Structures are given as C-alpha cells and as structure tokens.
Protein backbone atom coordinates (compact mmCIF):
# COMPACT_ATOMS: atom_id res chain seq x y z
CA UNK A 1 187.03 303.47 90.76
CA UNK A 2 186.35 302.90 94.31
CA UNK A 3 190.19 302.11 94.69
CA UNK A 4 191.22 305.78 93.66
CA UNK A 5 188.32 307.39 95.87
CA UNK A 6 189.66 304.92 98.79
CA UNK A 7 193.09 305.99 98.12
CA UNK A 8 192.67 309.31 98.83
CA UNK A 9 191.28 309.30 101.46
CA UNK A 10 193.83 307.65 103.10
CA UNK A 11 196.71 309.84 101.57
CA UNK A 12 194.46 312.58 103.28
CA UNK A 13 195.30 310.69 106.63
CA UNK A 14 198.26 310.36 106.13
CA UNK A 15 199.86 313.24 107.36
CA UNK A 16 197.93 312.39 111.42
CA UNK A 17 200.76 309.48 111.97
CA UNK A 18 203.14 312.93 112.52
CA UNK A 19 200.71 314.86 114.13
CA UNK A 20 198.04 312.84 116.50
CA UNK A 21 199.75 309.17 115.85
CA UNK A 22 196.57 308.75 118.57
CA UNK A 23 193.90 309.53 115.87
CA UNK A 24 195.36 308.07 112.62
CA UNK A 25 194.17 304.71 113.00
CA UNK A 26 190.30 306.33 114.03
CA UNK A 27 191.59 309.12 110.89
CA UNK A 28 192.47 306.69 108.73
CA UNK A 29 189.16 303.90 108.61
CA UNK A 30 186.87 307.24 108.42
CA UNK A 31 188.91 308.19 105.40
CA UNK A 32 188.69 305.08 103.75
CA UNK A 33 184.76 304.09 104.89
CA UNK A 34 184.53 308.40 103.32
CA UNK A 35 186.19 307.98 100.31
CA UNK A 36 183.87 304.81 98.68
CA UNK A 37 180.26 305.49 100.52
CA UNK A 38 179.44 307.98 97.77
CA UNK A 39 179.11 305.37 95.32
CA UNK A 40 176.57 302.81 97.74
CA UNK A 41 174.74 304.82 95.16
CA UNK A 42 175.46 302.87 92.19
CA UNK A 43 172.80 299.87 94.47
CA UNK A 44 170.21 302.33 95.78
CA UNK A 45 168.84 305.47 94.10
CA UNK A 46 170.74 307.20 91.60
CA UNK A 47 174.06 306.84 90.95
CA UNK A 48 176.26 310.19 91.64
CA UNK A 49 173.14 311.95 92.97
CA UNK A 50 171.92 310.20 95.91
CA UNK A 51 175.20 309.19 97.66
CA UNK A 52 177.38 312.29 96.34
CA UNK A 53 177.06 315.25 98.24
CA UNK A 54 179.86 317.87 96.52
CA UNK A 55 179.05 320.92 98.39
CA UNK A 56 177.53 319.45 102.04
CA UNK A 57 179.93 316.81 102.53
CA UNK A 58 182.66 320.05 101.56
CA UNK A 59 180.74 321.92 104.25
CA UNK A 60 180.44 319.35 106.43
CA UNK A 61 183.48 318.18 107.15
CA UNK A 62 185.22 321.61 107.47
CA UNK A 63 182.34 322.32 110.16
CA UNK A 64 183.61 318.68 111.78
CA UNK A 65 186.85 319.28 111.27
CA UNK A 66 186.54 322.32 113.42
CA UNK A 67 185.59 320.61 116.37
CA UNK A 68 187.73 317.54 115.72
CA UNK A 69 191.00 320.81 116.09
CA UNK A 70 189.48 322.10 119.61
CA UNK A 71 187.84 318.49 121.06
CA UNK A 72 190.45 315.71 119.30
CA UNK A 73 188.05 313.01 119.80
CA UNK A 74 187.88 309.57 117.70
CA UNK A 75 184.32 309.87 117.38
CA UNK A 76 184.56 313.71 115.70
CA UNK A 77 188.11 312.72 114.14
CA UNK A 78 186.69 309.64 111.82
CA UNK A 79 183.50 311.23 111.24
CA UNK A 80 185.91 314.38 109.77
CA UNK A 81 187.79 312.75 107.95
CA UNK A 82 184.79 310.49 106.71
CA UNK A 83 183.16 313.56 105.34
CA UNK A 84 186.12 315.15 103.87
CA UNK A 85 186.76 311.68 101.80
CA UNK A 86 183.71 311.89 100.85
CA UNK A 87 183.64 315.11 99.59
CA UNK A 88 186.76 314.89 97.98
CA UNK A 89 185.41 312.34 96.36
CA UNK A 90 181.98 314.03 95.00
CA UNK A 91 184.02 316.46 93.49
CA UNK A 92 186.49 314.62 91.75
CA UNK A 93 183.79 312.58 90.33
CA UNK A 94 183.54 315.93 88.04
CA UNK A 95 186.99 315.11 86.57
CA UNK A 96 185.47 312.37 85.07
CA UNK A 97 183.06 310.58 82.93
CA UNK A 98 179.01 310.97 82.95
CA UNK A 99 177.60 308.31 84.84
CA UNK A 100 176.89 305.43 81.60
CA UNK A 101 177.58 302.05 81.90
CA UNK A 102 180.30 302.45 78.81
CA UNK A 103 181.70 306.04 79.43
CA UNK A 104 183.97 305.41 76.80
CA UNK A 105 181.24 306.26 74.64
CA UNK A 106 180.20 309.54 76.06
CA UNK A 107 176.76 309.59 76.03
CA UNK A 108 176.00 311.18 79.35
CA UNK A 109 176.06 314.70 80.42
CA UNK A 110 175.47 313.90 83.62
CA UNK A 111 178.65 313.34 86.13
CA UNK A 112 177.83 314.46 89.77
CA UNK A 113 174.71 316.70 91.03
CA UNK A 114 175.36 320.19 93.04
CA UNK A 115 172.36 319.76 95.53
CA UNK A 116 172.05 323.35 96.56
CA UNK A 117 172.03 324.43 92.61
CA UNK A 118 169.64 321.57 91.47
CA UNK A 119 171.47 320.85 88.77
CA UNK A 120 174.06 318.35 86.91
CA UNK A 121 177.39 319.28 85.78
CA UNK A 122 179.21 317.88 82.43
CA UNK A 123 181.56 315.95 83.44
CA UNK A 124 185.40 317.32 82.33
CA UNK A 125 187.08 313.50 81.47
CA UNK A 126 190.35 314.74 82.78
CA UNK A 127 189.96 310.78 83.82
CA UNK A 128 188.29 309.22 80.64
CA UNK A 129 186.74 307.09 82.49
CA UNK A 130 186.64 304.99 85.35
CA UNK A 131 189.19 302.22 85.37
CA UNK A 132 190.88 303.79 82.40
CA UNK A 133 195.05 303.83 82.65
CA UNK A 134 195.30 306.69 83.70
CA UNK A 135 193.06 306.14 87.08
CA UNK A 136 195.11 303.90 87.36
CA UNK A 137 198.11 305.64 88.24
CA UNK A 138 195.71 308.18 90.49
CA UNK A 139 195.03 304.72 92.76
CA UNK A 140 198.84 304.24 92.51
CA UNK A 141 200.76 307.71 93.39
CA UNK A 142 197.70 308.07 95.89
CA UNK A 143 198.14 305.03 97.76
CA UNK A 144 202.24 305.75 98.11
CA UNK A 145 201.14 307.69 101.22
CA UNK A 146 198.84 305.60 103.11
CA UNK A 147 201.40 302.78 102.40
CA UNK A 148 204.50 304.28 103.94
CA UNK A 149 202.90 305.95 107.09
CA UNK A 150 200.55 303.19 107.86
CA UNK A 151 201.50 299.61 108.98
CA UNK A 152 199.16 295.88 108.95
CA UNK A 153 195.62 295.95 108.23
CA UNK A 154 195.34 299.72 106.99
CA UNK A 155 199.36 299.06 104.97
CA UNK A 156 197.11 295.62 104.04
CA UNK A 157 194.04 297.36 102.62
CA UNK A 158 196.78 299.35 100.36
CA UNK A 159 198.02 296.23 98.61
CA UNK A 160 194.37 293.91 98.13
CA UNK A 161 193.53 298.32 96.82
CA UNK A 162 195.86 298.58 94.32
CA UNK A 163 195.68 294.13 93.72
CA UNK A 164 191.81 295.29 92.77
CA UNK A 165 192.94 298.46 90.94
CA UNK A 166 194.37 296.95 88.36
CA UNK A 167 192.67 294.09 87.26
CA UNK A 168 189.86 296.35 87.10
CA UNK A 169 192.05 297.82 84.76
CA UNK A 170 192.52 295.20 82.88
CA UNK A 171 189.13 294.05 82.04
CA UNK A 172 186.71 297.14 82.74
CA UNK A 173 185.85 297.21 78.81
CA UNK A 174 185.17 293.92 79.15
CA UNK A 175 182.77 294.34 81.84
CA UNK A 176 179.77 295.29 80.75
CA UNK A 177 179.78 292.27 78.12
CA UNK A 178 180.17 290.12 81.21
CA UNK A 179 177.30 290.99 82.97
CA UNK A 180 175.20 291.37 80.38
CA UNK A 181 174.65 295.00 80.58
C-alpha cells in the first residue's frame, strides 16, 4: 500500500529532526517521494519491474548517503533519502503478495524483479496483500514517528495518508469490481 511505503520513508527521515534539524524537512520530502515513486510503474511499464530496483536503489542510497555525511547539502540529503526509501519500498514488496489485481487469490509468483539476477522473486505473503488489515497496522505504526517528529504540512500528510489507508483497507477487495477489472 503506497501509504505504508510513504509512512516508512517518513519514519526513516524522522531522526534527522534531532540529528540535523535544518535538513529534516528535505529528507522527509525526499523520503516520502521515494517511498511512493516505485509504484509509478503501475502506470508506466511492468509493475514491480520497471521502477522497482531493490539492489540498485539500496547501493545508490549507501553511496549518496556517504556523500551526504561528508557534504550534507539539502539536495544530497533529499536524494539520499529518496533512494533509501525507494530501496526499502522495493525490498519490502518481496514480503507482500504478488503483482496481481486480486492478490488474495495468490495466482502470481512475481513479487519483485531483481535486475542483477535477471529474475523475479516469489512473494512471501507476510502481508497478505496491499490493503490487508496487517498492512493498515503497518501504516499506523510507521506513521507514529513522522507524526511525532514533524509538524505543519508534513504532519497533515501523515494524517491524510492514514485516512486514505483506512478507506483503502475498508474497500480494497471491492475495488477490482468497481473498476470492472
């Protein structure tokens, strides 16, 4: 669920409020965007392959993160948190369901594509499907650090994300029928 990925990204950026408060807002924005960015491939390309790079995002995040420690500029920090959050998103999709429209049927053996290995990894179903009750619990838990650490617009983003997650969870299984898919 995109809201879970966004909440995780924001939780990753939250410690900067105490470590480097001047960089926390840009880290938060980078993390939020990075948390949802891989799912743009729902609309462009092959979902969980075209913009999901579990290995490459993670390696790039480590490299840019090192640069951010040495040269902590706003742009470098935002990029580092974007990459970190996109990497965590791409890896965490492996622990969910497959890429099908009705993942509770478990008809897909494709969780996420690992480009260096040139193969799909199988879903683990720790979270049974996007929008499952356990997915909502993760959104709620990971929203706490961002809600407590940030204020203003970022706190509002957390509240809107939680509201969207509650709605989505409540109606997830009906959505394919609504859109005739």
